[in-house]
């Protein structure tokens, strides 16, 4: 009984330890969050599986040119069937009974030459290359989305913290105003107006808290985490902004050869070119060697089948009614389309990069201006707080100054977020995330 009780206590202790560990926060910097996502993101996992599958596809294609060996055993029972053979009309016919037969067959074949086989291997390798490039594109998307989610959490928390700090200040003023109103020194109207301001800030805080939680859930999704996993972000939004502002001069000149979409389209052009070669190879003959061995397990009464057979099969395409010619023309058209698409994408990416760089410079200017606006709005609010407590300004002026400050903080955070996303887009188009 004591041992049973001891076992139960140990089990409860272990469960409690596991529960505590499950609730521990995962501390993530921006870089560690990106690295974690590249390992655990489910989209990237599927892309890795696709690479493994393409590797197996290459092996499958190569194996078609390796020796093929098959074995079979058959059994036939003719259910007492008979056949009559009469060589002399004057003589009675000879009756031949079909006895059950059973054979063991072993066959082997080896492809000696096929133009399509060798081109097919090259196409399989190109297919793997395009799968690997697709993985790199998915990786870039995951890094971008993880970074954007990380930024969103920091921006949402910044707005939430600003609202909470503002509420604390307004709450202090409201309590003082309410006490003065209760003492009959000022009108109750002023206290009621401040209570409306407090309630408005409360509503804004609740809405901001929901936005923070939604941003965390989006980040958990990118990281491949459970929805109840606690996360703590260690990178600060202002530190990240300062880092990228200091690196303004280091934003690299656009090189279209680095762009992942351009790389993918280039490989698709190579595949289209190989498809032309594959179509041409279908006009070439193919040669296969074969060998078969047959062992009679149950022999018929009359059997002249040889046990060993060795031979060659030469397949020569002669005329297909123009089918192969049409296929070749289609392959050439596909190649021309891919080349034209590559030129079109090159023009589009050049224009897109210029627009992204313009957006970055524009948001940078707005960020610097808005940062000044926040400082000014905060200074004005602090003076209004002091003047209101001294009875110099009205509650309406204080409310207006407070709204101006919250609006300036909100605009500053939004511009800051857009600046970071613009810088992120510039790095992504260069495949440098």
Protein backbone atom coordinates (compact mmCIF):
# COMPACT_ATOMS: atom_id res chain seq x y z
CA UNK A 1 0.00 0.00 0.00
CA UNK A 2 2.85 2.34 0.85
CA UNK A 3 4.55 1.56 -2.46
CA UNK A 4 1.33 2.31 -4.34
CA UNK A 5 0.92 5.64 -2.54
CA UNK A 6 4.56 6.50 -3.27
CA UNK A 7 4.10 5.68 -6.95
CA UNK A 8 1.04 7.94 -7.15
CA UNK A 9 2.93 10.83 -5.55
CA UNK A 10 5.82 10.40 -7.98
CA UNK A 11 3.40 10.39 -10.91
CA UNK A 12 1.69 13.57 -9.70
CA UNK A 13 5.08 15.24 -9.25
CA UNK A 14 6.19 14.28 -12.77
CA UNK A 15 2.97 15.59 -14.27
CA UNK A 16 3.33 18.87 -12.41
CA UNK A 17 6.90 19.25 -13.63
CA UNK A 18 5.84 18.60 -17.21
CA UNK A 19 3.00 21.09 -16.84
CA UNK A 20 5.35 23.78 -15.57
CA UNK A 21 7.81 23.09 -18.35
CA UNK A 22 5.03 23.29 -20.93
CA UNK A 23 4.14 26.77 -19.68
CA UNK A 24 7.70 28.11 -19.85
CA UNK A 25 8.10 30.97 -22.30
CA UNK A 26 10.22 30.54 -25.40
CA UNK A 27 12.55 33.54 -25.60
CA UNK A 28 13.23 34.47 -29.21
CA UNK A 29 15.31 37.16 -30.83
CA UNK A 30 14.50 38.08 -34.42
CA UNK A 31 17.35 35.95 -35.78
CA UNK A 32 16.52 32.96 -33.59
CA UNK A 33 12.84 33.16 -34.59
CA UNK A 34 13.82 33.08 -38.28
CA UNK A 35 16.19 30.15 -37.73
CA UNK A 36 13.54 28.25 -35.75
CA UNK A 37 10.95 28.81 -38.49
CA UNK A 38 13.26 27.47 -41.22
CA UNK A 39 13.45 24.19 -39.28
CA UNK A 40 9.92 23.74 -37.94
CA UNK A 41 7.66 25.54 -40.42
CA UNK A 42 5.29 22.96 -41.93
CA UNK A 43 5.35 24.49 -45.42
CA UNK A 44 9.12 24.15 -45.52
CA UNK A 45 8.86 20.57 -44.28
CA UNK A 46 6.68 19.74 -47.28
CA UNK A 47 9.21 21.43 -49.57
CA UNK A 48 11.98 19.25 -48.13
CA UNK A 49 9.85 16.18 -48.79
CA UNK A 50 9.45 17.36 -52.39
CA UNK A 51 13.25 17.48 -52.76
CA UNK A 52 13.55 13.95 -51.39
CA UNK A 53 10.87 12.80 -53.82
CA UNK A 54 12.68 14.37 -56.78
CA UNK A 55 15.86 12.55 -55.74
CA UNK A 56 13.95 9.27 -55.81
CA UNK A 57 12.54 10.24 -59.22
CA UNK A 58 16.09 10.54 -60.60
CA UNK A 59 16.90 7.07 -59.26
CA UNK A 60 13.70 5.73 -60.83
CA UNK A 61 14.66 7.19 -64.23
CA UNK A 62 18.20 5.82 -64.05
CA UNK A 63 16.95 2.38 -63.02
CA UNK A 64 15.00 2.09 -66.26
CA UNK A 65 18.32 1.68 -68.09
CA UNK A 66 19.68 -0.92 -65.67
CA UNK A 67 19.15 -4.69 -66.06
CA UNK A 68 15.54 -5.75 -65.56
CA UNK A 69 15.06 -9.28 -64.21
CA UNK A 70 11.70 -10.99 -63.73
CA UNK A 71 10.65 -14.49 -62.74
CA UNK A 72 7.32 -16.26 -63.02
CA UNK A 73 5.75 -19.64 -62.35
CA UNK A 74 2.63 -20.78 -64.18
CA UNK A 75 0.38 -23.82 -64.02
CA UNK A 76 -2.15 -24.85 -66.68
CA UNK A 77 -4.75 -27.62 -66.48
CA UNK A 78 -6.73 -28.36 -69.66
CA UNK A 79 -9.46 -30.25 -67.80
CA UNK A 80 -9.07 -33.49 -69.74
CA UNK A 81 -9.18 -31.90 -73.17
CA UNK A 82 -8.07 -34.08 -76.08
CA UNK A 83 -7.04 -33.56 -79.68
CA UNK A 84 -7.15 -36.04 -82.56
CA UNK A 85 -4.47 -36.29 -85.22
CA UNK A 86 -5.07 -38.34 -88.38
CA UNK A 87 -2.18 -38.56 -90.83
CA UNK A 88 -3.56 -41.51 -92.85
CA UNK A 89 -7.24 -41.53 -93.79
CA UNK A 90 -7.23 -45.28 -93.70
CA UNK A 91 -5.90 -45.44 -90.19
CA UNK A 92 -7.80 -44.47 -87.07
CA UNK A 93 -6.94 -40.99 -85.68
CA UNK A 94 -4.41 -40.71 -82.89
CA UNK A 95 -5.83 -39.18 -79.70
CA UNK A 96 -3.57 -36.74 -77.87
CA UNK A 97 -4.51 -35.85 -74.32
CA UNK A 98 -3.47 -32.44 -72.99
CA UNK A 99 -1.71 -33.06 -69.72
CA UNK A 100 -1.33 -30.33 -67.05
CA UNK A 101 1.79 -28.22 -67.53
CA UNK A 102 3.82 -25.99 -65.22
CA UNK A 103 6.73 -23.72 -66.15
CA UNK A 104 9.30 -21.65 -64.34
CA UNK A 105 10.46 -18.66 -66.42
CA UNK A 106 13.35 -16.31 -65.79
CA UNK A 107 13.84 -13.32 -68.08
CA UNK A 108 16.39 -10.50 -68.16
CA UNK A 109 16.63 -7.43 -70.37
CA UNK A 110 19.14 -4.63 -70.74
CA UNK A 111 18.66 -1.33 -72.52
CA UNK A 112 21.65 -0.81 -74.81
CA UNK A 113 20.70 2.45 -76.49
CA UNK A 114 17.83 4.91 -76.24
CA UNK A 115 18.20 8.64 -76.87
CA UNK A 116 15.14 9.43 -74.81
CA UNK A 117 16.59 7.60 -71.81
CA UNK A 118 19.65 9.83 -71.52
CA UNK A 119 17.66 13.03 -72.07
CA UNK A 120 15.13 11.80 -69.52
CA UNK A 121 17.85 11.54 -66.88
CA UNK A 122 18.90 15.13 -67.59
CA UNK A 123 15.26 16.28 -67.32
CA UNK A 124 14.92 14.49 -63.97
CA UNK A 125 18.00 16.28 -62.67
CA UNK A 126 16.62 19.61 -63.85
CA UNK A 127 13.33 18.77 -62.13
CA UNK A 128 15.24 18.24 -58.89
CA UNK A 129 17.03 21.55 -59.37
CA UNK A 130 13.74 23.38 -59.82
CA UNK A 131 12.41 21.64 -56.69
CA UNK A 132 15.44 22.86 -54.76
CA UNK A 133 14.91 26.38 -56.07
CA UNK A 134 11.24 26.14 -55.09
CA UNK A 135 12.36 25.22 -51.59
CA UNK A 136 14.58 28.31 -51.50
CA UNK A 137 11.60 30.41 -52.59
CA UNK A 138 9.43 28.88 -49.86
CA UNK A 139 12.25 29.51 -47.39
CA UNK A 140 12.40 33.18 -48.42
CA UNK A 141 8.62 33.46 -48.00
CA UNK A 142 8.74 31.85 -44.56
CA UNK A 143 11.58 34.12 -43.46
CA UNK A 144 9.69 37.15 -44.73
CA UNK A 145 6.41 36.12 -43.10
CA UNK A 146 8.13 35.25 -39.82
CA UNK A 147 9.92 38.60 -39.78
CA UNK A 148 6.70 40.46 -40.60
CA UNK A 149 4.89 38.59 -37.82
CA UNK A 150 7.70 39.42 -35.41
CA UNK A 151 7.48 43.09 -36.41
CA UNK A 152 3.71 43.01 -36.01
CA UNK A 153 3.95 41.67 -32.46
CA UNK A 154 6.47 44.34 -31.47
CA UNK A 155 4.41 47.12 -33.08
CA UNK A 156 1.19 45.92 -31.45
CA UNK A 157 2.88 45.68 -28.06
CA UNK A 158 4.33 49.17 -28.50
CA UNK A 159 0.90 50.63 -29.13
CA UNK A 160 -0.51 48.66 -26.19
CA UNK A 161 2.22 49.88 -23.83
CA UNK A 162 1.69 53.47 -24.99
CA UNK A 163 -2.03 53.19 -24.26
CA UNK A 164 -1.40 51.71 -20.81
CA UNK A 165 1.08 54.45 -19.91
CA UNK A 166 -1.34 57.06 -21.17
CA UNK A 167 -4.16 55.53 -19.17
CA UNK A 168 -2.06 55.65 -16.01
CA UNK A 169 -1.43 59.38 -16.46
CA UNK A 170 -5.05 60.13 -17.36
CA UNK A 171 -6.25 58.01 -14.41
CA UNK A 172 -4.17 60.08 -12.00
CA UNK A 173 -5.57 63.31 -13.40
CA UNK A 174 -9.08 61.87 -13.33
CA UNK A 175 -8.80 60.88 -9.65
CA UNK A 176 -7.57 64.36 -8.71
CA UNK A 177 -10.34 65.97 -10.77
CA UNK A 178 -13.00 63.74 -9.24
CA UNK A 179 -11.83 64.60 -5.71
CA UNK A 180 -11.93 68.30 -6.51
CA UNK A 181 -15.41 67.91 -8.03
CA UNK A 182 -16.65 66.01 -4.98
CA UNK A 183 -15.26 68.78 -2.79
CA UNK A 184 -17.23 71.32 -4.82
CA UNK A 185 -14.13 73.17 -6.04
CA UNK A 186 -14.83 72.46 -9.75
CA UNK A 187 -17.78 71.33 -11.83
CA UNK A 188 -18.73 67.66 -11.96
CA UNK A 189 -18.80 68.03 -15.75
CA UNK A 190 -15.00 68.12 -15.91
CA UNK A 191 -14.76 64.86 -13.99
CA UNK A 192 -17.34 63.20 -16.27
CA UNK A 193 -15.47 64.34 -19.39
CA UNK A 194 -12.27 62.80 -18.04
CA UNK A 195 -14.13 59.55 -17.22
CA UNK A 196 -15.18 59.40 -20.88
CA UNK A 197 -11.50 59.75 -21.86
CA UNK A 198 -10.55 56.95 -19.45
CA UNK A 199 -13.25 54.67 -20.85
CA UNK A 200 -12.14 55.41 -24.42
CA UNK A 201 -8.58 54.49 -23.56
CA UNK A 202 -9.84 51.30 -21.83
CA UNK A 203 -11.65 50.28 -25.01
CA UNK A 204 -8.55 51.03 -27.07
CA UNK A 205 -6.45 48.90 -24.69
CA UNK A 206 -8.82 45.93 -24.98
CA UNK A 207 -8.80 46.19 -28.77
CA UNK A 208 -5.00 46.45 -28.77
CA UNK A 209 -4.69 43.40 -26.50
CA UNK A 210 -6.70 41.37 -28.99
CA UNK A 211 -4.44 42.57 -31.81
CA UNK A 212 -1.36 41.55 -29.81
CA UNK A 213 -2.76 38.07 -29.23
CA UNK A 214 -3.66 37.73 -32.91
CA UNK A 215 -0.13 38.79 -33.88
CA UNK A 216 1.35 36.20 -31.49
CA UNK A 217 -0.88 33.48 -32.97
CA UNK A 218 0.29 34.39 -36.46
CA UNK A 219 3.91 34.19 -35.30
CA UNK A 220 3.26 30.79 -33.66
CA UNK A 221 1.82 29.57 -36.97
CA UNK A 222 4.96 30.59 -38.85
CA UNK A 223 7.17 28.97 -36.20
CA UNK A 224 5.18 25.73 -36.24
CA UNK A 225 4.33 26.05 -32.51
CA UNK A 226 1.27 25.00 -30.58
CA UNK A 227 -1.29 27.73 -29.98
CA UNK A 228 -0.74 27.61 -26.20
CA UNK A 229 3.06 27.95 -26.37
CA UNK A 230 4.17 31.11 -24.57
CA UNK A 231 6.59 33.34 -26.49
CA UNK A 232 8.74 36.22 -25.31
CA UNK A 233 10.46 38.45 -27.87
CA UNK A 234 13.89 39.74 -26.91
CA UNK A 235 14.55 42.08 -29.87
CA UNK A 236 13.33 45.67 -29.56
CA UNK A 237 11.56 47.49 -32.37
CA UNK A 238 13.61 50.67 -32.07
CA UNK A 239 16.87 48.68 -32.00
CA UNK A 240 15.88 46.87 -35.19
CA UNK A 241 14.99 50.16 -36.90
CA UNK A 242 18.26 51.79 -35.91
CA UNK A 243 20.16 48.78 -37.19
CA UNK A 244 18.62 49.04 -40.64
CA UNK A 245 18.86 52.83 -40.80
CA UNK A 246 22.57 52.56 -40.11
CA UNK A 247 22.79 50.00 -42.91
CA UNK A 248 21.06 52.26 -45.44
CA UNK A 249 24.20 52.65 -47.51
CA UNK A 250 24.75 48.88 -47.53
CA UNK A 251 21.50 48.04 -49.34
CA UNK A 252 22.91 46.23 -52.31
CA UNK A 253 22.40 47.18 -55.93
CA UNK A 254 19.75 45.01 -57.53
CA UNK A 255 21.13 41.98 -59.35
CA UNK A 256 18.40 40.14 -61.20
CA UNK A 257 20.49 36.96 -61.27
CA UNK A 258 19.99 36.71 -57.48
CA UNK A 259 16.21 36.85 -57.71
CA UNK A 260 14.66 33.47 -56.97
CA UNK A 261 11.74 33.91 -59.41
CA UNK A 262 14.18 34.71 -62.21
CA UNK A 263 16.23 31.62 -61.32
CA UNK A 264 13.12 29.44 -61.44
CA UNK A 265 12.10 30.79 -64.83
CA UNK A 266 15.64 30.25 -66.14
CA UNK A 267 15.54 26.59 -65.10
CA UNK A 268 12.11 26.20 -66.72
CA UNK A 269 13.71 27.51 -69.93
CA UNK A 270 16.41 24.84 -69.61
CA UNK A 271 13.71 22.21 -69.19
CA UNK A 272 11.93 23.49 -72.31
CA UNK A 273 15.21 23.21 -74.24
CA UNK A 274 15.73 19.65 -73.01
CA UNK A 275 12.17 18.83 -74.05
CA UNK A 276 13.14 19.72 -77.61
CA UNK A 277 16.04 17.27 -77.38
CA UNK A 278 13.73 14.63 -75.91
CA UNK A 279 11.31 15.02 -78.81
CA UNK A 280 14.16 14.72 -81.31
CA UNK A 281 15.44 11.63 -79.49
CA UNK A 282 12.09 9.91 -80.06
CA UNK A 283 13.08 9.68 -83.76
CA UNK A 284 16.16 7.61 -82.91
CA UNK A 285 16.10 3.80 -82.79
CA UNK A 286 16.30 1.97 -79.48
CA UNK A 287 18.11 -1.30 -78.85
CA UNK A 288 17.34 -3.79 -76.06
CA UNK A 289 19.05 -7.11 -75.33
CA UNK A 290 17.08 -9.89 -73.64
CA UNK A 291 17.60 -13.39 -72.28
CA UNK A 292 15.05 -15.89 -71.03
CA UNK A 293 15.30 -19.29 -69.38
CA UNK A 294 12.38 -21.70 -69.08
CA UNK A 295 12.33 -24.80 -66.86
CA UNK A 296 9.48 -27.27 -67.40
CA UNK A 297 8.22 -28.37 -64.01
CA UNK A 298 5.40 -30.45 -65.55
CA UNK A 299 6.21 -31.27 -69.16
CA UNK A 300 3.58 -31.92 -71.83
CA UNK A 301 3.75 -35.10 -73.85
CA UNK A 302 5.02 -33.21 -76.87
CA UNK A 303 7.40 -30.32 -76.18
CA UNK A 304 9.94 -28.66 -78.44
CA UNK A 305 10.37 -25.35 -76.57
CA UNK A 306 14.05 -24.45 -75.97
CA UNK A 307 15.13 -23.64 -72.45
CA UNK A 308 17.46 -20.74 -73.28
CA UNK A 309 16.69 -17.80 -75.56
CA UNK A 310 19.03 -14.86 -76.21
CA UNK A 311 18.15 -12.02 -78.55
CA UNK A 312 18.09 -8.35 -79.47
CA UNK A 313 15.16 -6.04 -80.14
CA UNK A 314 15.73 -3.05 -82.39
CA UNK A 315 12.87 -0.56 -82.53
CA UNK A 316 13.11 1.82 -85.50
CA UNK A 317 10.59 4.71 -85.71
CA UNK A 318 9.67 5.13 -89.39
CA UNK A 319 6.45 7.08 -89.76
CA UNK A 320 4.04 8.47 -87.16
CA UNK A 321 1.68 10.42 -89.38
CA UNK A 322 3.38 13.72 -88.44
CA UNK A 323 2.81 13.23 -84.73
CA UNK A 324 6.47 13.52 -83.75
CA UNK A 325 6.90 16.55 -86.00
CA UNK A 326 3.99 18.31 -84.29
CA UNK A 327 5.38 17.42 -80.87
CA UNK A 328 8.75 18.91 -81.83
CA UNK A 329 7.12 22.15 -82.97
CA UNK A 330 5.15 22.34 -79.72
CA UNK A 331 8.36 21.89 -77.72
CA UNK A 332 10.00 24.71 -79.68
CA UNK A 333 7.00 26.97 -79.06
CA UNK A 334 7.16 26.21 -75.32
CA UNK A 335 10.84 27.19 -75.32
CA UNK A 336 10.08 30.48 -77.10
CA UNK A 337 7.34 31.19 -74.57
CA UNK A 338 9.74 30.55 -71.66
CA UNK A 339 12.37 32.88 -73.15
CA UNK A 340 9.80 35.61 -73.72
CA UNK A 341 8.45 35.15 -70.18
CA UNK A 342 11.97 35.50 -68.79
CA UNK A 343 12.46 38.81 -70.59
CA UNK A 344 9.07 40.01 -69.35
CA UNK A 345 9.89 39.04 -65.77
CA UNK A 346 13.23 40.83 -66.04
CA UNK A 347 11.46 44.07 -66.95
CA UNK A 348 8.85 43.61 -64.22
CA UNK A 349 11.44 42.93 -61.54
CA UNK A 350 13.48 45.99 -62.51
CA UNK A 351 10.41 48.20 -62.18
CA UNK A 352 9.39 46.50 -58.95
CA UNK A 353 12.83 47.01 -57.40
CA UNK A 354 12.77 50.73 -58.24
CA UNK A 355 9.31 51.03 -56.66
CA UNK A 356 10.43 49.18 -53.54
CA UNK A 357 13.47 51.43 -53.20
CA UNK A 358 11.26 54.50 -53.63
CA UNK A 359 8.90 53.17 -50.94
CA UNK A 360 11.81 52.59 -48.58
CA UNK A 361 13.19 56.12 -49.00
CA UNK A 362 9.70 57.59 -48.68
CA UNK A 363 8.93 55.71 -45.46
CA UNK A 364 12.35 56.61 -44.07
CA UNK A 365 11.61 60.32 -44.51
CA UNK A 366 8.16 59.92 -42.96
CA UNK A 367 9.67 57.96 -40.07
CA UNK A 368 12.16 60.71 -39.23
CA UNK A 369 9.44 63.38 -39.44
CA UNK A 370 6.95 61.38 -37.41
CA UNK A 371 9.53 60.70 -34.73
CA UNK A 372 9.85 64.46 -34.26
CA UNK A 373 6.05 64.80 -34.18
CA UNK A 374 5.85 62.28 -31.34
CA UNK A 375 8.41 64.19 -29.29
CA UNK A 376 6.53 67.44 -29.88
CA UNK A 377 3.12 65.91 -29.09
CA UNK A 378 4.51 64.37 -25.87
CA UNK A 379 6.00 67.69 -24.81
CA UNK A 380 2.72 69.49 -25.49
CA UNK A 381 0.74 66.87 -23.54
CA UNK A 382 3.05 67.12 -20.52
CA UNK A 383 2.64 70.91 -20.47
CA UNK A 384 -1.11 70.60 -20.86
CA UNK A 385 -1.23 68.17 -17.93
CA UNK A 386 0.62 70.65 -15.76
CA UNK A 387 -1.47 73.61 -16.90
CA UNK A 388 -4.71 71.68 -16.38
CA UNK A 389 -3.73 70.84 -12.81
CA UNK A 390 -2.98 74.53 -12.33
CA UNK A 391 -6.39 75.45 -13.75
CA UNK A 392 -4.93 77.35 -16.71
CA UNK A 393 -6.41 75.20 -19.55
CA UNK A 394 -9.76 73.48 -19.93
CA UNK A 395 -10.50 69.76 -20.00
CA UNK A 396 -11.27 70.11 -23.72
CA UNK A 397 -7.75 71.35 -24.44
CA UNK A 398 -6.25 68.54 -22.37
CA UNK A 399 -8.35 65.95 -24.19
CA UNK A 400 -7.30 67.37 -27.56
CA UNK A 401 -3.61 67.27 -26.58
CA UNK A 402 -3.98 63.70 -25.35
CA UNK A 403 -5.67 62.60 -28.59
CA UNK A 404 -2.95 64.33 -30.61
CA UNK A 405 -0.29 62.44 -28.68
CA UNK A 406 -1.98 59.05 -29.11
CA UNK A 407 -2.50 59.75 -32.82
CA UNK A 408 1.17 60.74 -33.22
CA UNK A 409 2.31 57.56 -31.44
CA UNK A 410 0.01 55.41 -33.57
CA UNK A 411 1.19 57.06 -36.80
CA UNK A 412 4.81 56.72 -35.71
CA UNK A 413 4.41 53.00 -35.03
CA UNK A 414 2.62 52.43 -38.34
CA UNK A 415 5.30 54.29 -40.33
CA UNK A 416 8.00 52.44 -38.42
CA UNK A 417 6.37 49.12 -39.31
CA UNK A 418 6.02 50.11 -42.98
CA UNK A 419 9.68 51.19 -43.06
CA UNK A 420 10.81 47.81 -41.76
CA UNK A 421 8.58 45.93 -44.21
CA UNK A 422 9.85 48.08 -47.09
CA UNK A 423 13.45 47.27 -46.16
CA UNK A 424 12.47 43.61 -45.88
CA UNK A 425 10.94 43.65 -49.38
CA UNK A 426 14.13 45.17 -50.79
CA UNK A 427 16.20 42.38 -49.31
CA UNK A 428 13.76 39.72 -50.47
CA UNK A 429 13.84 40.79 -54.12
CA UNK A 430 17.60 40.23 -53.93
CA UNK A 431 16.99 36.84 -52.22
CA UNK A 432 18.95 38.11 -49.23
CA UNK A 433 16.95 37.22 -46.13
